Protein backbone atom coordinates (compact mmCIF):
# COMPACT_ATOMS: atom_id res chain seq x y z
CA MET A 1 113.57 69.25 78.20
CA ILE A 2 113.23 70.31 81.67
CA THR A 3 109.66 71.25 82.40
CA THR A 4 108.96 73.78 85.66
CA GLU A 5 107.19 71.13 87.82
CA ILE A 6 110.81 69.23 87.83
CA LEU A 7 112.94 72.64 87.52
CA TYR A 8 110.65 73.53 90.80
CA LYS A 9 112.31 69.95 92.47
CA TYR A 10 115.66 70.89 91.95
CA TYR A 11 114.97 74.38 93.49
CA GLN A 12 113.53 72.64 96.39
CA GLU A 13 117.22 71.55 97.17
CA ASN A 14 119.11 74.26 95.53
CA SER A 15 116.94 77.77 96.68
CA THR A 16 119.50 80.07 95.59
CA ILE A 17 119.67 81.43 92.17
CA SER A 18 122.40 83.25 90.28
CA THR A 19 122.35 85.04 86.48
CA ASP A 20 126.10 86.23 87.19
CA THR A 21 129.30 83.88 86.79
CA ARG A 22 130.69 86.64 89.41
CA ASN A 23 128.13 85.87 91.67
CA ILE A 24 128.16 81.81 92.31
CA THR A 25 127.36 80.59 95.78
CA PRO A 26 128.31 76.77 96.40
CA GLY A 27 125.13 74.99 95.73
CA CYS A 28 123.34 76.97 93.49
CA ILE A 29 121.36 77.23 90.34
CA PHE A 30 122.92 79.34 87.34
CA PHE A 31 120.33 80.83 84.91
CA ALA A 32 122.10 81.15 81.57
CA LEU A 33 120.57 84.36 79.77
CA LYS A 34 121.07 86.37 77.04
CA GLY A 35 121.07 89.74 76.24
CA ASP A 36 122.10 91.75 73.02
CA LEU A 37 125.21 91.74 73.46
CA PHE A 38 126.18 88.33 75.73
CA ASN A 39 125.09 84.66 75.54
CA ALA A 40 125.50 83.47 79.31
CA ASN A 41 125.12 79.93 77.86
CA GLN A 42 128.96 80.22 77.38
CA PHE A 43 129.68 80.59 80.92
CA ALA A 44 127.27 77.99 82.21
CA ALA A 45 130.57 75.45 82.62
CA GLN A 46 132.53 78.12 84.32
CA ALA A 47 129.04 78.38 87.03
CA LEU A 48 130.10 74.69 87.68
CA GLU A 49 133.44 74.98 88.34
CA LYS A 50 132.51 77.94 90.47
CA GLY A 51 130.46 75.98 92.81
CA ALA A 52 127.22 75.51 90.80
CA ALA A 53 124.84 72.54 91.57
CA PHE A 54 122.97 72.66 88.07
CA ALA A 55 123.49 75.24 85.38
CA VAL A 56 119.94 76.30 83.23
CA ILE A 57 120.69 76.61 79.61
CA ASP A 58 119.04 77.24 76.39
CA GLU A 59 121.26 75.73 74.28
CA GLU A 60 121.82 71.84 73.47
CA LYS A 61 125.55 72.34 72.32
CA TYR A 62 126.81 73.73 75.59
CA ALA A 63 124.82 70.56 77.65
CA GLN A 64 128.20 68.90 79.04
CA ASN A 65 126.27 66.07 81.51
CA GLU A 66 122.98 65.81 83.66
CA ARG A 67 123.98 68.93 85.78
CA PHE A 68 122.97 71.46 82.81
CA LEU A 69 119.54 71.45 82.53
CA LEU A 70 118.05 72.19 79.28
CA VAL A 71 115.28 74.19 78.62
CA GLU A 72 113.24 76.21 75.64
CA ASP A 73 114.25 79.87 77.04
CA GLY A 74 116.15 80.66 79.59
CA LEU A 75 114.35 84.05 80.74
CA SER A 76 111.22 82.50 80.73
CA SER A 77 112.00 79.43 82.55
CA LEU A 78 113.25 81.75 85.37
CA GLN A 79 109.81 83.67 85.44
CA ASP A 80 107.70 80.56 85.01
CA LEU A 81 109.44 79.65 88.22
CA ALA A 82 108.91 82.07 89.82
CA ARG A 83 105.42 82.35 88.98
CA TYR A 84 105.41 78.46 90.10
CA HIS A 85 106.95 79.39 93.32
CA ARG A 86 105.09 82.19 94.00
CA LYS A 87 101.48 79.97 93.68
CA GLN A 88 102.86 77.95 96.69
CA LEU A 89 103.47 81.21 99.04
CA ASN A 90 99.99 81.57 101.10
CA ILE A 91 100.84 85.20 101.85
CA PRO A 92 100.15 88.57 101.46
CA VAL A 93 102.27 90.05 98.77
CA ILE A 94 102.36 94.03 98.08
CA GLY A 95 103.29 94.89 94.92
CA LEU A 96 104.71 98.52 93.93
CA THR A 97 105.45 100.70 91.96
CA GLY A 98 105.52 104.39 90.51
CA SER A 99 106.96 107.15 88.79
CA ASN A 100 109.00 108.74 91.63
CA GLY A 101 109.54 107.01 95.45
CA LYS A 102 109.20 103.60 94.48
CA THR A 103 112.60 102.47 96.40
CA THR A 104 111.86 104.42 99.20
CA SER A 105 108.31 103.55 99.67
CA LYS A 106 109.42 99.99 99.31
CA GLU A 107 111.69 100.37 102.29
CA LEU A 108 109.62 102.44 104.67
CA ILE A 109 106.62 99.66 104.16
CA ASN A 110 109.25 96.94 104.60
CA ALA A 111 110.98 99.18 107.91
CA VAL A 112 107.22 99.20 109.37
CA LEU A 113 105.94 96.01 108.59
CA SER A 114 109.36 94.39 110.22
CA GLU A 115 108.45 95.67 113.60
CA ARG A 116 105.80 92.65 113.61
CA TYR A 117 105.92 90.30 110.91
CA ASN A 118 108.95 88.54 109.16
CA THR A 119 108.85 90.48 105.72
CA PHE A 120 110.97 90.07 102.89
CA ALA A 121 111.32 93.24 100.28
CA THR A 122 113.19 93.57 97.33
CA PHE A 123 116.97 94.27 97.21
CA GLY A 124 118.22 97.33 95.76
CA ASN A 125 116.21 97.94 92.84
CA LEU A 126 115.66 94.35 91.43
CA ASN A 127 112.44 95.46 90.01
CA ASN A 128 112.83 94.42 85.93
CA HIS A 129 112.17 91.33 84.23
CA ILE A 130 114.82 89.46 85.77
CA GLY A 131 114.96 90.95 89.40
CA VAL A 132 111.13 90.16 90.12
CA PRO A 133 111.64 86.59 89.45
CA LEU A 134 114.62 86.46 91.49
CA SER A 135 113.12 88.49 93.86
CA ILE A 136 110.07 86.19 94.25
CA LEU A 137 112.43 83.12 94.18
CA SER A 138 114.07 84.67 97.23
CA ILE A 139 111.01 84.37 99.66
CA THR A 140 111.16 81.36 102.11
CA ALA A 141 108.51 79.31 103.64
CA ASP A 142 108.92 81.61 107.49
CA VAL A 143 108.12 85.03 105.43
CA GLN A 144 104.82 86.21 106.23
CA ILE A 145 104.40 89.48 104.12
CA ALA A 146 106.55 90.45 101.23
CA VAL A 147 106.80 93.71 99.40
CA ILE A 148 107.73 93.69 95.75
CA GLU A 149 108.99 96.83 93.63
CA MET A 150 107.87 96.60 90.09
CA GLY A 151 109.73 99.11 87.68
CA ALA A 152 108.98 99.69 83.88
CA ASN A 153 110.09 101.57 81.38
CA HIS A 154 107.74 100.71 78.64
CA GLN A 155 103.68 99.67 78.55
CA LYS A 156 103.00 96.10 79.19
CA GLU A 157 106.17 95.29 81.70
CA ILE A 158 103.87 96.29 84.90
CA GLU A 159 101.13 93.72 83.25
CA LEU A 160 104.45 91.55 83.00
CA LEU A 161 105.66 91.52 86.33
CA SER A 162 102.11 91.03 87.82
CA THR A 163 101.84 88.33 86.30
CA ILE A 164 105.28 87.19 88.05
CA ALA A 165 104.82 88.60 91.41
CA GLN A 166 101.18 88.22 91.68
CA PRO A 167 100.46 90.47 94.19
CA THR A 168 97.30 90.22 96.80
CA HIS A 169 97.64 94.09 97.66
CA GLY A 170 99.25 96.70 95.34
CA ILE A 171 100.20 100.79 95.58
CA ILE A 172 101.17 102.85 92.77
CA THR A 173 103.02 105.66 94.31
CA ASN A 174 102.47 108.33 92.07
CA VAL A 175 102.48 109.18 88.22
CA GLY A 176 105.12 111.42 86.63
CA MET A 177 107.29 112.94 84.21
CA ALA A 178 109.71 109.33 84.14
CA HIS A 179 110.59 107.22 80.97
CA LEU A 180 108.42 109.32 78.99
CA GLU A 181 110.41 108.16 75.51
CA GLY A 182 109.66 104.98 76.34
CA PHE A 183 106.05 105.55 77.19
CA GLY A 184 105.11 107.72 75.05
CA GLY A 185 104.63 110.91 77.22
CA PHE A 186 102.79 111.36 80.27
CA GLU A 187 99.42 109.54 79.00
CA GLY A 188 101.19 106.76 78.26
CA VAL A 189 103.21 106.60 81.58
CA LYS A 190 99.69 106.35 83.39
CA LYS A 191 98.49 103.38 81.01
CA GLY A 192 101.71 101.92 81.97
CA LYS A 193 101.59 102.53 85.67
CA ALA A 194 97.53 101.27 85.87
CA GLU A 195 98.50 98.16 84.48
CA LEU A 196 98.99 96.87 88.68
CA TYR A 197 95.84 98.57 88.76
CA ALA A 198 94.07 96.26 85.76
CA TYR A 199 95.69 93.15 87.77
CA LEU A 200 94.40 94.18 91.36
CA LYS A 201 90.68 94.64 89.90
CA GLN A 202 91.03 90.96 88.18
CA SER A 203 92.41 89.16 91.14
CA ASN A 204 89.99 91.43 93.35
CA GLY A 205 93.03 92.56 95.41
CA TYR A 206 93.18 95.53 97.56
CA THR A 207 94.36 98.82 96.69
CA PHE A 208 96.28 101.63 98.32
CA ILE A 209 95.48 104.93 96.97
CA ASN A 210 96.95 108.78 97.63
CA ARG A 211 93.28 110.45 97.47
CA ASP A 212 95.14 113.89 97.17
CA ASN A 213 96.57 112.58 93.72
CA PRO A 214 93.73 113.23 91.17
CA HIS A 215 95.61 111.08 88.63
CA LEU A 216 95.69 108.26 91.34
CA LEU A 217 91.83 108.72 91.56
CA GLU A 218 90.98 109.21 87.82
CA MET A 219 93.12 105.80 87.17
CA SER A 220 91.30 103.80 90.13
CA MET A 221 88.06 104.76 89.28
CA ALA A 222 88.88 103.66 85.49
CA ALA A 223 90.10 100.35 86.73
CA GLY A 224 86.76 99.78 88.80
CA LEU A 225 88.30 98.92 91.77
CA ASN A 226 86.48 97.58 94.62
CA LYS A 227 88.80 96.59 97.63
CA LEU A 228 90.47 100.32 98.38
CA ILE A 229 91.84 101.98 101.27
CA TYR A 230 92.85 105.80 100.88
CA TYR A 231 95.50 107.84 102.77
CA GLY A 232 95.68 111.48 102.72
CA THR A 233 95.58 114.67 103.95
CA GLU A 234 91.48 115.46 104.35
CA ASN A 235 88.84 113.93 106.18
CA GLY A 236 87.41 110.30 104.88
CA ASN A 237 90.57 109.04 104.50
CA THR A 238 91.54 105.78 106.63
CA ILE A 239 94.78 107.67 107.52
CA LYS A 240 95.04 111.20 107.89
CA GLY A 241 98.27 113.32 107.70
CA GLU A 242 99.99 116.49 108.03
CA LEU A 243 102.92 117.50 107.26
CA LYS A 244 104.32 119.00 110.29
CA SER A 245 108.04 120.06 109.53
CA SER A 246 110.59 119.16 106.50
CA ASP A 247 113.42 121.61 107.92
CA PRO A 248 115.33 118.95 107.64
CA PHE A 249 113.49 116.46 108.34
CA ILE A 250 110.28 115.25 108.17
CA GLU A 251 107.77 115.02 111.02
CA VAL A 252 104.67 114.10 110.21
CA ASN A 253 101.14 114.35 112.67
CA TRP A 254 98.91 111.08 111.53
CA THR A 255 95.25 109.84 112.80
CA ASN A 256 93.13 106.29 111.90
CA HIS A 257 89.93 107.86 112.99
CA GLU A 258 90.52 106.37 116.71
CA VAL A 259 94.36 107.18 117.49
CA SER A 260 96.07 110.49 116.44
CA SER A 261 99.63 110.06 116.73
CA SER A 262 102.89 112.07 115.79
CA VAL A 263 106.49 110.77 114.29
CA LYS A 264 109.42 112.34 113.29
CA THR A 265 111.45 110.52 110.77
CA ASN A 266 115.53 110.53 109.18
CA LEU A 267 114.01 111.33 106.37
CA THR A 268 114.46 114.66 104.36
CA GLY A 269 112.26 116.19 101.51
CA SER A 270 108.64 117.26 101.66
CA TYR A 271 107.98 115.02 98.76
CA ASN A 272 108.82 111.78 100.85
CA PHE A 273 105.62 112.64 102.99
CA GLU A 274 103.40 110.63 100.63
CA ASN A 275 105.76 108.16 100.92
CA ILE A 276 105.34 108.24 105.08
CA LEU A 277 101.53 107.93 105.10
CA ALA A 278 101.18 104.90 102.32
CA ALA A 279 104.03 102.98 104.87
CA ILE A 280 101.53 103.99 107.86
CA CYS A 281 98.52 103.35 105.78
CA ILE A 282 99.62 100.11 104.83
CA GLY A 283 100.97 99.19 108.39
CA ASP A 284 97.80 100.21 109.82
CA PHE A 285 96.11 98.03 107.84
CA PHE A 286 97.61 94.86 108.61
CA ASP A 287 96.66 95.30 112.09
CA MET A 288 99.80 97.56 113.41
CA SER A 289 99.88 99.63 116.32
CA PRO A 290 100.44 103.66 116.14
CA GLU A 291 103.65 102.34 118.58
CA GLU A 292 105.16 99.89 116.08
CA ILE A 293 104.26 101.92 112.76
CA ASN A 294 106.22 105.02 114.44
CA ALA A 295 109.05 102.70 115.68
CA GLY A 296 109.40 101.72 112.55
CA LEU A 297 109.26 104.92 110.68
CA SER A 298 111.73 106.48 112.98
CA ASN A 299 114.48 103.86 112.92
CA TYR A 300 114.69 103.86 109.17
CA GLN A 301 117.62 105.45 107.84
CA PRO A 302 117.90 106.49 104.07
CA LYS A 303 120.55 104.97 102.07
CA ASN A 304 121.61 104.29 98.39
CA ASN A 305 121.56 108.25 98.06
CA ARG A 306 117.96 108.36 98.11
CA SER A 307 117.27 111.61 99.98
CA GLN A 308 119.69 111.34 102.18
CA LEU A 309 121.25 113.77 103.99
CA THR A 310 125.11 113.67 104.34
CA LYS A 311 127.48 115.66 106.92
CA THR A 312 130.58 115.85 105.23
CA GLU A 313 134.11 117.75 106.69
CA LYS A 314 133.07 120.90 104.66
CA ASN A 315 129.14 120.88 104.09
CA THR A 316 125.88 119.63 104.45
CA VAL A 317 125.21 117.39 101.24
CA ILE A 318 121.73 115.78 99.84
CA CYS A 319 122.72 113.15 98.26
CA ASP A 320 119.68 112.41 95.71
CA PHE A 321 121.66 111.23 92.68
CA TYR A 322 120.42 107.38 92.50
CA ASN A 323 118.44 109.09 89.57
CA ALA A 324 115.77 111.77 88.48
CA ASN A 325 113.12 112.55 86.26
CA PRO A 326 111.50 116.35 85.85
CA SER A 327 108.90 115.39 88.34
CA SER A 328 111.70 114.01 91.08
CA MET A 329 114.29 117.27 90.17
CA ALA A 330 111.76 119.70 90.96
CA ALA A 331 110.22 118.58 93.92
CA ALA A 332 114.04 118.37 94.71
CA LEU A 333 114.71 122.28 93.98
CA LYS A 334 111.34 122.99 96.10
CA ASN A 335 112.66 121.21 99.25
CA LEU A 336 115.59 122.87 98.99
CA SER A 337 113.81 126.25 99.10
CA VAL A 338 112.41 125.59 102.49
CA ILE A 339 115.28 123.86 104.02
CA SER A 340 117.03 126.69 106.41
CA ALA A 341 120.29 127.48 105.48
CA VAL A 342 122.87 130.22 105.20
CA LYS A 343 123.77 129.11 101.50
CA LYS A 344 122.86 127.40 99.53
CA MET A 345 123.96 125.41 95.88
CA ALA A 346 122.33 122.86 93.59
CA ILE A 347 124.32 120.64 91.67
CA LEU A 348 122.25 119.01 88.89
CA GLY A 349 123.08 116.44 86.21
CA ASP A 350 121.19 115.46 82.92
CA MET A 351 117.89 113.88 83.13
CA PHE A 352 117.74 110.43 80.89
CA GLU A 353 115.01 108.41 79.03
CA LEU A 354 112.86 111.64 78.28
CA GLY A 355 112.57 111.55 74.47
CA PRO A 356 110.92 114.61 72.04
CA GLU A 357 110.25 115.85 75.76
CA SER A 358 113.68 116.48 76.78
CA HIS A 359 114.78 119.77 75.43
CA ASP A 360 111.71 121.45 77.08
CA GLN A 361 111.81 119.26 80.10
CA HIS A 362 115.30 120.43 81.13
CA GLU A 363 114.48 124.12 79.89
CA LEU A 364 111.78 123.99 82.75
CA ILE A 365 114.34 122.30 85.55
CA VAL A 366 116.64 125.45 84.57
CA LYS A 367 114.18 127.86 84.57
CA GLN A 368 112.92 126.83 87.93
CA ALA A 369 116.34 126.42 89.57
CA ASN A 370 116.92 129.81 88.51
CA GLU A 371 114.02 130.94 90.27
CA SER A 372 114.57 129.41 93.56
CA GLY A 373 116.68 131.96 95.06
CA LEU A 374 119.89 129.74 95.37
CA ASP A 375 123.35 131.00 95.74
CA GLN A 376 124.95 128.70 93.37
CA ILE A 377 123.57 126.80 90.64
CA ILE A 378 125.77 124.40 88.38
CA PHE A 379 124.16 122.53 85.38
CA ILE A 380 126.17 119.31 84.05
CA GLY A 381 125.45 117.32 81.05
CA LYS A 382 125.09 117.87 77.73
CA ASP A 383 120.97 118.48 78.01
CA PHE A 384 121.16 121.33 80.39
CA TYR A 385 124.45 122.74 78.56
CA ALA A 386 122.16 123.57 75.61
CA PHE A 387 120.91 126.51 77.86
CA LYS A 388 124.57 127.79 79.20
CA ASP A 389 123.73 131.08 76.72
CA GLU A 390 120.56 131.64 77.93
CA PHE A 391 120.00 131.13 81.37
CA ASP A 392 122.35 132.12 84.56
CA GLY A 393 124.10 128.77 85.98
CA LEU A 394 127.62 127.35 85.66
CA TYR A 395 127.62 125.15 83.14
CA PHE A 396 129.72 121.68 82.18
CA GLU A 397 129.70 119.14 79.35
CA LYS A 398 130.42 116.68 82.13
CA PRO A 399 130.98 115.46 85.56
CA ALA A 400 134.63 115.79 84.72
CA ASP A 401 134.89 119.18 83.60
CA ALA A 402 132.88 119.54 87.42
CA GLU A 403 135.48 118.06 88.88
CA ILE A 404 138.04 120.46 87.68
CA PHE A 405 136.24 123.72 88.73
CA PHE A 406 135.75 122.01 92.17
CA THR A 407 139.18 121.52 92.43
CA GLU A 408 140.06 124.90 92.15
CA ASN A 409 136.73 126.53 93.83
CA GLN A 410 136.22 124.61 96.93
CA VAL A 411 132.97 124.78 98.78
CA HIS A 412 132.49 125.61 102.43
CA ASP A 413 129.54 126.09 104.66
CA GLN A 414 126.86 125.66 102.23
CA LEU A 415 123.68 123.24 101.93
CA VAL A 416 124.44 121.05 98.30
CA LEU A 417 121.94 119.60 96.52
CA LEU A 418 123.40 116.96 94.33
CA LYS A 419 120.80 115.14 92.15
CA GLY A 420 120.87 114.05 88.68
CA SER A 421 119.74 110.94 86.63
CA ARG A 422 122.01 107.31 87.27
CA GLY A 423 124.30 107.60 84.27
CA MET A 424 125.73 111.10 84.99
CA LYS A 425 127.74 109.52 87.47
CA LEU A 426 127.83 112.09 90.30
CA GLU A 427 128.93 110.10 92.91
CA SER A 428 132.74 111.59 91.25
CA LEU A 429 131.83 115.03 92.98
CA LEU A 430 130.72 113.90 96.32
CA LYS A 431 134.64 114.06 97.51
CA TYR A 432 134.95 117.73 96.71
CA LEU A 433 131.98 118.88 98.23
């Protein structure tokens, strides 16, 4: 069996890691991982044929020569390799998790810090038990600060990811009604996210906390954290901020006790105010000037269909269909109500992974949508469809049914919110808007 130390020597010579034979690059190391429906050991030889330097496997029968590196378990080996590499990196690593706003916060923090430092940030949403190791193994020697996003849908997951990323600094953006099924309810969400606080307590790391969020204050006190840096809207915080405008783009006034400043961003959604404050707070902590911080924020362009304001030939669309849960859905509807527009429409798709609370949570969103004063509301998905006889709105069981409707009923000159869980694939509707 190949040990982690020996495997690291191979990695130092071949530092690109792949777990997908469709993404093999010359000289990479291929890790053969297993899932419920696949066994990548079967494709190890194919990876080498495509140009991989080595293939890490955990079933001896697939080893053909010395380029097949046999380990006890492929996934554990990948995670251990990442831990070993992390220990060689003497840099700040900011670990980031939360129910909503993780990826946007990560992007904003990276945008700010990269104005002065050579940074690394998690690519896309590679934030799980495979993505975090791959992210850590992508950090090169010239990186000065890393921002690692950590996602979870059940307890003990953040605990595991923290042992891999080994953050020196951390932030929980918020806790909300997300992945309730896996976490076992809202208290389970808090317990799961607080695993980052527990790691930072044990490692004596720094923690950035939104002082306006009572749940985060409660969790930080329970964890007994020492090195706390606060941001929020009240006096007494390291960074104090004020939402100046969010119609449609966010403008923020902020101060760090010494200098007052103002910045206009390209982000829509008042719920992003706290994500912006977090990025300001972290930039300030790392000795960046207000000018550098503001430059990072004002130059950032949202993407990946998160709070992304898109002007089509016919309408203005808030593309926010990367994911959805009750907390983010409620925030998106609230934001829609404060943006100026002659006519407004909401197209909402089902929210996944809510478990026993799914029916009640969907009902709450239907009620909120109906109370928002919108010109038209369209609900898509079987969970929303259950309320078609109780509340106003148009209801479709699946996006394909809505596509037929939009083919026959064109939408013009409206502000449209398009939001739902990733599995609803609401992007299929964008061409009709």
